[in-house]
Amino acid sequence: MKNFTQRLNMFALACVGILSLTWNATPASAWDRGNVETFAVLPDGATGPEGITVGPDGNVYVATFGFNAAGPVSGSGKVYVFNGGGNLLRTLTISGSTSHLLGLDFHPKTHTLLVIDFGAAKVLAVDPQTGASSVFMTVTGSAGLNALTFDGIGNVYVSDSFQGIIWKTGAGGGAATAWVTDPLLAPNGVPPFGANGLGFNKSGRALFVANTSTDQLIKIPVTGGTPGTPAVFVNSINGADGLILDKDDNIWVAANQADEIVVVDPTGKAIAKLGDFNGVTAAGVPNGLLFPASPVFSKDGQSLFATNLALDIRLFGLAQSVDSQWTAQVQRYTVSKIKASIPPLP
């Protein structure tokens, strides 16, 4: 009995030693969310921000979706322009638009500011100083135009969240052609938006498209400008919304139903999850990420900005999401800022 007790005590000490080594070998910061700063608070009366881009001047341009906690608003669409410090420089009232704007970006060749008018299913060319606009691109059908990107020679590609189409036009705009139509790009879940954020890798041989409704990234191979067959690249990004690729072809995706930025490497492996939600203040201002919609890098590449759409999906007759009761409290909308670095894993 004495020998048995001694052996039992030795076994217990060995277990304690193993557990101690295990705890010491795994740092608590292995999956570091990082600090989420509030880069900018939109003016009183602004609706939820969706699209975002950084101009050639380094200023940050933010388009609003035309919905607040009470529902849709009327009038022309708004784009808010902030300097690099988050100070509001000007408000652009986009002539000839609906209030429901989504993606926007500057054309890399012509430097024209292109803004998607989701409510009118068209893309506008907008004066970044005055808000004056003209029609840049038109499409057919019951389209839900959402995000845009460009290839190396300046062609414009726009995702259609309702019809499961990637539309394409040249640098000069005009009537777009359906470059890719596929069931993998169509809506099939909640929120009911299919093809959303999109971007080419550095070689231009693949276009990655987020499908918000299915939580997937879709990869479209490209050969000489001709698209191949779309395929699922990765699953389980909860509410995959806007995306952007970095210089290493890592894909940074706004997960609007998880309140985080998910980064996957070129093989599809998750290498970071950044940001989180930290409540709503008594004044109705979100802390951290709340339904993040679109990410963009700062001009120096050191920071990532993300719009907090804070959209209550119950406004569309849908059952609540886990964030719906929080989004209903929001009175002032925000753009968040996080450090654009990928924390090392052990």
Protein backbone atom coordinates (compact mmCIF):
# COMPACT_ATOMS: atom_id res chain seq x y z
CA MET A 1 0.00 0.00 0.00
CA LYS A 2 2.87 2.33 0.84
CA ASN A 3 4.48 1.70 -2.57
CA PHE A 4 1.14 2.30 -4.30
CA THR A 5 0.71 5.64 -2.49
CA GLN A 6 4.22 6.71 -3.46
CA ARG A 7 3.59 5.81 -7.09
CA LEU A 8 0.27 7.71 -7.05
CA ASN A 9 1.97 10.81 -5.63
CA MET A 10 4.69 10.65 -8.28
CA PHE A 11 2.06 10.34 -11.01
CA ALA A 12 0.18 13.39 -9.67
CA LEU A 13 3.38 15.46 -9.58
CA ALA A 14 4.18 14.43 -13.15
CA CYS A 15 0.70 15.54 -14.31
CA VAL A 16 1.13 18.91 -12.62
CA GLY A 17 4.49 19.36 -14.36
CA ILE A 18 3.02 18.52 -17.76
CA LEU A 19 0.12 20.94 -17.29
CA SER A 20 2.52 23.65 -16.18
CA LEU A 21 4.65 23.16 -19.29
CA THR A 22 1.52 23.23 -21.49
CA TRP A 23 0.23 26.47 -19.99
CA ASN A 24 3.63 28.15 -20.28
CA ALA A 25 4.02 27.05 -23.93
CA THR A 26 0.78 28.63 -25.16
CA PRO A 27 0.73 32.43 -24.92
CA ALA A 28 -2.64 34.02 -24.19
CA SER A 29 -2.13 36.34 -27.16
CA ALA A 30 -1.83 33.56 -29.74
CA TRP A 31 -5.07 34.70 -31.42
CA ASP A 32 -4.71 38.42 -30.71
CA ARG A 33 -7.77 40.50 -31.64
CA GLY A 34 -5.80 43.73 -31.34
CA ASN A 35 -7.14 47.11 -30.35
CA VAL A 36 -10.04 48.58 -32.30
CA GLU A 37 -10.00 52.37 -32.43
CA THR A 38 -12.84 54.61 -33.53
CA PHE A 39 -11.37 56.34 -36.57
CA ALA A 40 -14.39 58.55 -37.24
CA VAL A 41 -17.94 59.16 -36.05
CA LEU A 42 -20.27 60.14 -38.86
CA PRO A 43 -22.27 63.37 -38.46
CA ASP A 44 -25.59 63.37 -36.65
CA GLY A 45 -28.29 62.23 -39.07
CA ALA A 46 -25.97 60.09 -41.20
CA THR A 47 -27.08 56.55 -41.98
CA GLY A 48 -25.04 53.36 -41.73
CA PRO A 49 -21.73 53.45 -43.64
CA GLU A 50 -21.05 50.66 -46.10
CA GLY A 51 -18.54 51.39 -48.87
CA ILE A 52 -15.10 52.84 -48.11
CA THR A 53 -12.00 53.76 -50.08
CA VAL A 54 -8.83 55.78 -49.68
CA GLY A 55 -8.26 58.37 -52.38
CA PRO A 56 -5.00 59.31 -54.10
CA ASP A 57 -4.83 62.21 -51.64
CA GLY A 58 -4.92 59.83 -48.66
CA ASN A 59 -8.37 60.99 -47.61
CA VAL A 60 -10.97 58.40 -46.63
CA TYR A 61 -14.25 58.34 -48.58
CA VAL A 62 -17.26 56.66 -46.94
CA ALA A 63 -20.59 55.92 -48.67
CA THR A 64 -23.76 55.37 -46.64
CA PHE A 65 -26.42 52.75 -47.25
CA GLY A 66 -29.47 54.88 -46.43
CA PHE A 67 -30.72 52.88 -43.44
CA ASN A 68 -30.71 53.84 -39.78
CA ALA A 69 -32.15 52.06 -36.75
CA ALA A 70 -35.67 53.15 -37.73
CA GLY A 71 -35.46 52.01 -41.35
CA PRO A 72 -34.74 53.52 -44.78
CA VAL A 73 -34.34 57.24 -45.34
CA SER A 74 -35.14 59.21 -48.48
CA GLY A 75 -33.18 61.79 -50.42
CA SER A 76 -29.88 61.72 -52.28
CA GLY A 77 -26.98 59.51 -51.26
CA LYS A 78 -24.16 60.81 -49.10
CA VAL A 79 -20.41 60.31 -49.21
CA TYR A 80 -18.40 61.60 -46.24
CA VAL A 81 -14.76 62.58 -46.74
CA PHE A 82 -12.35 62.37 -43.80
CA ASN A 83 -8.66 63.20 -43.58
CA GLY A 84 -6.14 60.70 -42.27
CA GLY A 85 -6.83 61.80 -38.72
CA GLY A 86 -10.55 61.03 -38.93
CA ASN A 87 -11.67 64.67 -39.18
CA LEU A 88 -14.60 65.37 -41.49
CA LEU A 89 -13.52 67.49 -44.46
CA ARG A 90 -16.74 67.62 -46.47
CA THR A 91 -20.04 65.92 -47.15
CA LEU A 92 -20.84 65.04 -50.75
CA THR A 93 -24.52 64.92 -51.69
CA ILE A 94 -24.50 62.75 -54.80
CA SER A 95 -26.66 64.33 -57.47
CA GLY A 96 -29.09 62.07 -59.30
CA SER A 97 -28.71 59.22 -56.81
CA THR A 98 -30.92 57.33 -54.40
CA SER A 99 -30.02 57.28 -50.70
CA HIS A 100 -28.80 53.68 -50.95
CA LEU A 101 -25.12 53.74 -51.90
CA LEU A 102 -22.72 50.82 -51.52
CA GLY A 103 -19.20 50.24 -52.88
CA LEU A 104 -16.97 53.03 -54.17
CA ASP A 105 -13.39 53.36 -55.40
CA PHE A 106 -11.11 55.49 -57.53
CA HIS A 107 -10.33 54.10 -60.96
CA PRO A 108 -6.59 53.25 -60.97
CA LYS A 109 -6.05 54.60 -64.50
CA THR A 110 -8.43 57.53 -64.87
CA HIS A 111 -8.68 58.42 -61.13
CA THR A 112 -12.45 58.80 -61.54
CA LEU A 113 -14.41 58.25 -58.34
CA LEU A 114 -16.93 55.49 -59.03
CA VAL A 115 -19.86 55.02 -56.63
CA ILE A 116 -22.45 52.23 -56.74
CA ASP A 117 -26.04 53.41 -56.47
CA PHE A 118 -27.59 50.22 -55.13
CA GLY A 119 -31.09 51.71 -55.16
CA ALA A 120 -30.95 52.50 -58.88
CA ALA A 121 -28.80 49.53 -59.98
CA LYS A 122 -26.13 51.66 -61.66
CA VAL A 123 -22.61 52.94 -61.13
CA LEU A 124 -22.01 56.68 -61.02
CA ALA A 125 -18.94 58.75 -61.83
CA VAL A 126 -18.77 61.34 -59.05
CA ASP A 127 -16.88 64.60 -58.66
CA PRO A 128 -14.97 64.09 -55.36
CA GLN A 129 -15.20 67.80 -54.56
CA THR A 130 -18.81 68.65 -55.39
CA GLY A 131 -20.79 65.40 -55.56
CA ALA A 132 -21.94 66.08 -59.12
CA SER A 133 -22.45 62.78 -60.92
CA SER A 134 -23.10 61.12 -64.24
CA VAL A 135 -24.01 57.54 -65.10
CA PHE A 136 -20.88 55.43 -65.62
CA MET A 137 -22.26 51.89 -65.95
CA THR A 138 -25.65 50.27 -66.44
CA VAL A 139 -26.81 46.66 -66.15
CA THR A 140 -29.93 44.64 -66.93
CA GLY A 141 -32.34 42.67 -64.77
CA SER A 142 -33.26 43.04 -61.11
CA ALA A 143 -29.72 43.79 -60.03
CA GLY A 144 -28.32 44.36 -56.56
CA LEU A 145 -24.98 45.99 -57.38
CA ASN A 146 -22.71 45.86 -54.38
CA ALA A 147 -18.91 46.13 -54.72
CA LEU A 148 -16.40 46.90 -57.46
CA THR A 149 -12.80 46.21 -58.39
CA PHE A 150 -10.42 46.59 -61.35
CA ASP A 151 -8.03 44.42 -63.32
CA GLY A 152 -4.53 45.40 -64.40
CA ILE A 153 -5.62 47.17 -67.56
CA GLY A 154 -8.47 49.13 -65.98
CA ASN A 155 -11.55 47.06 -66.71
CA VAL A 156 -14.25 47.44 -64.05
CA TYR A 157 -15.91 44.47 -62.32
CA VAL A 158 -19.05 44.84 -60.18
CA SER A 159 -20.71 42.18 -58.04
CA ASP A 160 -24.47 41.64 -58.29
CA SER A 161 -25.74 40.28 -54.97
CA PHE A 162 -29.22 39.43 -56.25
CA GLN A 163 -28.59 37.86 -59.65
CA GLY A 164 -25.33 36.05 -58.87
CA ILE A 165 -23.42 37.89 -61.58
CA ILE A 166 -20.06 39.61 -61.93
CA TRP A 167 -20.56 42.45 -64.39
CA LYS A 168 -17.72 43.85 -66.49
CA THR A 169 -17.14 47.02 -68.47
CA GLY A 170 -14.13 48.86 -69.85
CA ALA A 171 -12.39 51.83 -68.28
CA GLY A 172 -14.82 54.18 -70.01
CA GLY A 173 -17.95 52.51 -68.64
CA GLY A 174 -21.17 51.99 -70.56
CA ALA A 175 -23.49 49.01 -70.73
CA ALA A 176 -21.90 46.16 -68.78
CA THR A 177 -21.71 42.54 -69.89
CA ALA A 178 -22.26 39.54 -67.60
CA TRP A 179 -18.67 38.28 -67.21
CA VAL A 180 -19.59 35.40 -64.87
CA THR A 181 -23.00 34.04 -63.81
CA ASP A 182 -23.02 31.15 -61.38
CA PRO A 183 -25.21 29.67 -58.59
CA LEU A 184 -22.24 29.98 -56.20
CA LEU A 185 -22.57 33.76 -56.52
CA ALA A 186 -26.33 33.85 -55.87
CA PRO A 187 -27.98 34.49 -52.47
CA ASN A 188 -28.85 31.38 -50.49
CA GLY A 189 -29.07 32.23 -46.80
CA VAL A 190 -28.96 35.12 -44.33
CA PRO A 191 -28.24 37.98 -44.82
CA PRO A 192 -29.78 37.56 -48.31
CA PHE A 193 -26.86 38.99 -50.30
CA GLY A 194 -24.89 36.76 -52.65
CA ALA A 195 -21.81 38.06 -54.48
CA ASN A 196 -20.36 40.90 -52.43
CA GLY A 197 -16.74 42.03 -51.93
CA LEU A 198 -14.31 41.05 -54.67
CA GLY A 199 -10.67 41.43 -55.65
CA PHE A 200 -7.97 39.99 -57.92
CA ASN A 201 -4.77 38.42 -56.67
CA LYS A 202 -1.45 39.98 -57.71
CA SER A 203 -1.03 37.84 -60.81
CA GLY A 204 -4.57 38.57 -62.00
CA ARG A 205 -5.13 34.86 -62.45
CA ALA A 206 -7.87 34.60 -59.83
CA LEU A 207 -10.79 36.74 -58.70
CA PHE A 208 -12.01 36.13 -55.15
CA VAL A 209 -15.64 36.94 -54.34
CA ALA A 210 -17.37 36.85 -50.96
CA ASN A 211 -20.86 35.34 -50.81
CA THR A 212 -22.43 36.86 -47.71
CA SER A 213 -25.41 34.52 -47.57
CA THR A 214 -23.38 31.30 -47.69
CA ASP A 215 -20.37 32.44 -45.59
CA GLN A 216 -18.04 31.49 -48.45
CA LEU A 217 -15.21 32.87 -50.53
CA ILE A 218 -15.55 31.89 -54.17
CA LYS A 219 -12.50 31.65 -56.43
CA ILE A 220 -12.84 32.34 -60.14
CA PRO A 221 -9.75 31.32 -62.15
CA VAL A 222 -8.78 33.73 -64.94
CA THR A 223 -6.73 32.97 -68.05
CA GLY A 224 -5.94 35.80 -70.42
CA GLY A 225 -8.90 37.77 -69.12
CA THR A 226 -11.31 34.87 -69.62
CA PRO A 227 -12.98 33.47 -66.49
CA GLY A 228 -13.01 29.78 -65.65
CA THR A 229 -15.46 27.85 -63.51
CA PRO A 230 -16.12 29.33 -60.04
CA ALA A 231 -15.42 27.06 -57.07
CA VAL A 232 -15.69 27.34 -53.31
CA PHE A 233 -12.32 28.51 -51.98
CA VAL A 234 -13.15 28.52 -48.27
CA ASN A 235 -16.20 28.13 -46.02
CA SER A 236 -17.36 29.45 -42.66
CA ILE A 237 -16.62 33.19 -42.69
CA ASN A 238 -19.76 34.32 -40.89
CA GLY A 239 -21.38 36.93 -43.11
CA ALA A 240 -18.44 37.37 -45.52
CA ASP A 241 -18.89 40.92 -46.80
CA GLY A 242 -16.28 43.29 -48.21
CA LEU A 243 -12.72 42.09 -48.80
CA ILE A 244 -9.29 43.35 -49.75
CA LEU A 245 -6.05 41.55 -50.69
CA ASP A 246 -2.64 42.59 -49.35
CA LYS A 247 0.77 42.49 -51.06
CA ASP A 248 1.19 38.85 -50.05
CA ASP A 249 -2.20 37.83 -51.49
CA ASN A 250 -3.68 37.32 -48.03
CA ILE A 251 -7.41 38.06 -48.11
CA TRP A 252 -8.84 40.32 -45.40
CA VAL A 253 -12.59 39.76 -45.11
CA ALA A 254 -15.17 41.68 -43.07
CA ALA A 255 -17.31 39.06 -41.29
CA ASN A 256 -20.43 41.11 -40.69
CA GLN A 257 -22.23 38.53 -38.55
CA ALA A 258 -19.20 37.82 -36.35
CA ASP A 259 -18.01 41.43 -35.83
CA GLU A 260 -14.47 40.62 -36.90
CA ILE A 261 -11.96 40.79 -39.73
CA VAL A 262 -10.89 37.31 -40.87
CA VAL A 263 -7.58 36.97 -42.71
CA VAL A 264 -6.91 33.89 -44.82
CA ASP A 265 -3.67 33.14 -46.65
CA PRO A 266 -3.47 32.19 -50.36
CA THR A 267 -4.20 28.56 -49.46
CA GLY A 268 -7.39 29.45 -47.56
CA LYS A 269 -5.99 28.91 -44.05
CA ALA A 270 -7.14 31.38 -41.40
CA ILE A 271 -4.08 33.23 -40.11
CA ALA A 272 -5.77 35.98 -38.09
CA LYS A 273 -9.08 37.10 -36.63
CA LEU A 274 -8.96 40.78 -35.77
CA GLY A 275 -11.28 43.13 -33.92
CA ASP A 276 -14.42 42.55 -31.91
CA PHE A 277 -17.58 44.22 -30.63
CA ASN A 278 -17.48 45.99 -27.26
CA GLY A 279 -20.98 47.32 -26.79
CA VAL A 280 -22.90 50.52 -27.55
CA THR A 281 -22.51 53.68 -25.48
CA ALA A 282 -25.39 55.49 -23.81
CA ALA A 283 -25.20 57.99 -26.69
CA GLY A 284 -25.78 55.19 -29.21
CA VAL A 285 -22.20 54.96 -30.54
CA PRO A 286 -20.75 51.47 -31.17
CA ASN A 287 -17.47 50.47 -29.57
CA GLY A 288 -15.41 48.21 -31.80
CA LEU A 289 -16.81 46.41 -34.83
CA LEU A 290 -20.58 46.12 -35.30
CA PHE A 291 -21.71 44.56 -38.61
CA PRO A 292 -18.43 45.52 -40.35
CA ALA A 293 -19.09 45.83 -44.06
CA SER A 294 -16.04 47.01 -46.00
CA PRO A 295 -12.29 47.11 -45.24
CA VAL A 296 -9.58 49.24 -46.84
CA PHE A 297 -5.92 49.87 -46.08
CA SER A 298 -4.64 53.34 -45.26
CA LYS A 299 -2.40 54.97 -47.86
CA ASP A 300 0.74 54.01 -45.90
CA GLY A 301 -0.55 50.46 -45.42
CA GLN A 302 -0.12 50.60 -41.65
CA SER A 303 -3.83 50.66 -40.74
CA LEU A 304 -7.04 48.98 -41.82
CA PHE A 305 -10.26 51.00 -41.83
CA ALA A 306 -13.64 49.23 -41.64
CA THR A 307 -17.14 50.66 -41.92
CA ASN A 308 -19.61 49.62 -39.22
CA LEU A 309 -22.92 49.28 -41.06
CA ALA A 310 -24.69 48.29 -37.81
CA LEU A 311 -27.67 47.09 -39.84
CA ASP A 312 -30.69 45.58 -38.09
CA ILE A 313 -31.74 42.82 -40.47
CA ARG A 314 -35.20 42.74 -38.89
CA LEU A 315 -35.91 45.86 -40.99
CA PHE A 316 -36.10 43.49 -43.99
CA GLY A 317 -38.60 41.14 -42.37
CA LEU A 318 -35.91 38.67 -41.27
CA ALA A 319 -35.55 36.99 -37.92
CA GLN A 320 -33.08 38.72 -35.63
CA SER A 321 -29.38 38.01 -35.67
CA VAL A 322 -27.32 37.92 -32.49
CA ASP A 323 -26.47 41.62 -33.03
CA SER A 324 -29.91 42.92 -33.99
CA GLN A 325 -30.83 44.23 -30.56
CA TRP A 326 -27.49 46.04 -30.41
CA THR A 327 -27.79 47.57 -33.88
CA ALA A 328 -31.25 48.87 -32.94
CA GLN A 329 -29.57 51.01 -30.27
CA VAL A 330 -27.20 52.79 -32.65
CA GLN A 331 -27.76 56.50 -33.16
CA ARG A 332 -24.36 57.57 -34.51
CA TYR A 333 -22.41 55.46 -36.98
CA THR A 334 -18.68 54.84 -37.01
CA VAL A 335 -15.63 53.80 -39.00
CA SER A 336 -13.14 51.65 -37.08
CA LYS A 337 -9.36 51.46 -37.34
CA ILE A 338 -7.08 48.56 -36.48
CA LYS A 339 -3.40 47.93 -36.98
CA ALA A 340 -2.85 46.23 -40.33
CA SER A 341 -0.59 43.48 -39.04
CA ILE A 342 -1.06 39.76 -38.57
CA PRO A 343 -0.20 38.65 -35.02
CA PRO A 344 2.23 35.70 -34.92
CA LEU A 345 0.97 32.33 -33.81
CA PRO A 346 3.15 30.15 -31.56
